[in-house]
């Protein structure tokens, strides 16, 4: 699944919410706006940044964007368990690491 962020409009959507084998943020807009523009669009509870090319995205935000049902949630939790094993979950267990890819800039 791909979290799509338009840094110009602030719109955030989730593409391919049933694809559990990939996860990243696709940021649309001028890359010179930087990672702070992505964080701003996702909102304070959505993510924080600790590097120039990654953000932490909250599981709650992903669930909200996916309009999750119980089957989706079970598959998402399996994805989160895999991510935890790779070190891609923050110490609270509430956020997933996502690489930011700038598109259309």
Protein backbone atom coordinates (compact mmCIF):
# COMPACT_ATOMS: atom_id res chain seq x y z
CA UNK A 1 0.00 0.00 0.00
CA UNK A 2 1.06 3.52 -0.71
CA UNK A 3 0.23 6.59 1.32
CA UNK A 4 -0.22 9.34 -1.26
CA UNK A 5 0.43 12.87 -0.01
CA UNK A 6 -0.10 16.02 -2.04
CA UNK A 7 2.10 18.59 -0.32
CA UNK A 8 0.43 21.44 -2.22
CA UNK A 9 -3.19 20.67 -1.22
CA UNK A 10 -2.58 18.63 1.92
CA UNK A 11 -4.71 15.76 0.54
CA UNK A 12 -3.77 12.31 1.87
CA UNK A 13 -5.10 9.06 0.39
CA UNK A 14 -4.20 5.38 0.53
CA UNK A 15 -3.55 3.60 -2.76
CA UNK A 16 -3.76 -0.17 -3.02
CA UNK A 17 -4.92 -0.66 0.58
CA UNK A 18 -5.07 -4.44 0.09
CA UNK A 19 -1.44 -4.71 -1.03
CA UNK A 20 0.42 -5.73 2.11
CA UNK A 21 3.77 -6.51 0.51
CA UNK A 22 4.96 -2.92 0.07
CA UNK A 23 4.63 0.29 2.02
CA UNK A 24 5.86 3.79 1.31
CA UNK A 25 4.78 7.39 1.02
CA UNK A 26 4.44 8.91 -2.45
CA UNK A 27 4.75 12.67 -2.09
CA UNK A 28 3.40 14.77 -4.95
CA UNK A 29 4.64 18.30 -5.35
CA UNK A 30 7.95 20.07 -5.41
CA UNK A 31 10.60 18.02 -3.59
CA UNK A 32 12.26 21.21 -2.40
CA UNK A 33 9.29 21.61 -0.03
CA UNK A 34 11.00 18.82 1.90
CA UNK A 35 10.02 16.19 4.39
CA UNK A 36 8.38 18.74 6.70
CA UNK A 37 5.70 19.32 4.04
CA UNK A 38 4.92 15.59 4.07
CA UNK A 39 4.73 15.56 7.86
CA UNK A 40 2.50 18.63 7.80
CA UNK A 41 0.08 17.04 5.34
CA UNK A 42 -0.15 13.85 7.40
CA UNK A 43 -0.87 15.82 10.55
CA UNK A 44 0.59 15.70 14.03
CA UNK A 45 -0.89 12.30 14.87
CA UNK A 46 -0.01 10.87 11.46
CA UNK A 47 3.74 10.81 11.53
CA UNK A 48 6.99 12.36 12.50
CA UNK A 49 10.24 12.49 10.61
CA UNK A 50 13.64 11.45 11.82
CA UNK A 51 15.47 11.51 8.48
CA UNK A 52 15.25 13.38 5.20
CA UNK A 53 13.84 10.42 3.28
CA UNK A 54 11.66 8.55 5.81
CA UNK A 55 8.67 9.27 8.02
CA UNK A 56 6.93 7.32 10.75
CA UNK A 57 3.24 6.87 9.88
CA UNK A 58 0.80 5.91 12.63
CA UNK A 59 -1.15 2.69 12.31
CA UNK A 60 -4.28 4.64 13.31
CA UNK A 61 -3.86 6.95 10.32
CA UNK A 62 -3.39 4.00 7.97
CA UNK A 63 -6.49 2.28 9.36
CA UNK A 64 -8.53 5.48 8.98
CA UNK A 65 -7.42 5.95 5.38
CA UNK A 66 -8.16 2.30 4.55
CA UNK A 67 -11.67 2.30 6.05
CA UNK A 68 -10.61 -1.03 7.55
CA UNK A 69 -12.78 -4.06 8.07
CA UNK A 70 -11.87 -7.08 10.22
CA UNK A 71 -10.30 -9.07 7.33
CA UNK A 72 -8.21 -6.06 6.28
CA UNK A 73 -7.17 -5.42 9.87
CA UNK A 74 -5.95 -9.00 10.33
CA UNK A 75 -3.81 -8.76 7.19
CA UNK A 76 -2.54 -5.34 8.24
CA UNK A 77 -1.52 -6.67 11.65
CA UNK A 78 0.40 -9.49 9.93
CA UNK A 79 2.19 -6.85 7.84
CA UNK A 80 2.97 -4.90 11.03
CA UNK A 81 4.40 -8.00 12.70
CA UNK A 82 6.66 -8.56 9.70
CA UNK A 83 7.71 -4.89 9.80
CA UNK A 84 8.48 -5.16 13.52
CA UNK A 85 10.80 -8.06 12.81
CA UNK A 86 12.70 -5.87 10.36
CA UNK A 87 12.95 -2.91 12.75
CA UNK A 88 10.43 -0.83 10.77
CA UNK A 89 8.15 -0.15 13.75
CA UNK A 90 8.86 2.63 16.25
CA UNK A 91 9.53 1.84 19.93
CA UNK A 92 5.88 2.56 20.87
CA UNK A 93 4.66 -0.02 18.35
CA UNK A 94 2.22 2.53 16.95
CA UNK A 95 4.04 3.81 13.85
CA UNK A 96 5.53 2.23 10.74
CA UNK A 97 8.61 3.51 8.92
CA UNK A 98 7.91 4.65 5.38
CA UNK A 99 10.38 5.67 2.71
CA UNK A 100 9.29 8.89 0.98
CA UNK A 101 9.35 8.86 -2.82
CA UNK A 102 8.80 12.21 -4.56
CA UNK A 103 6.62 11.88 -7.66
CA UNK A 104 5.82 14.42 -10.33
CA UNK A 105 8.24 17.05 -9.07
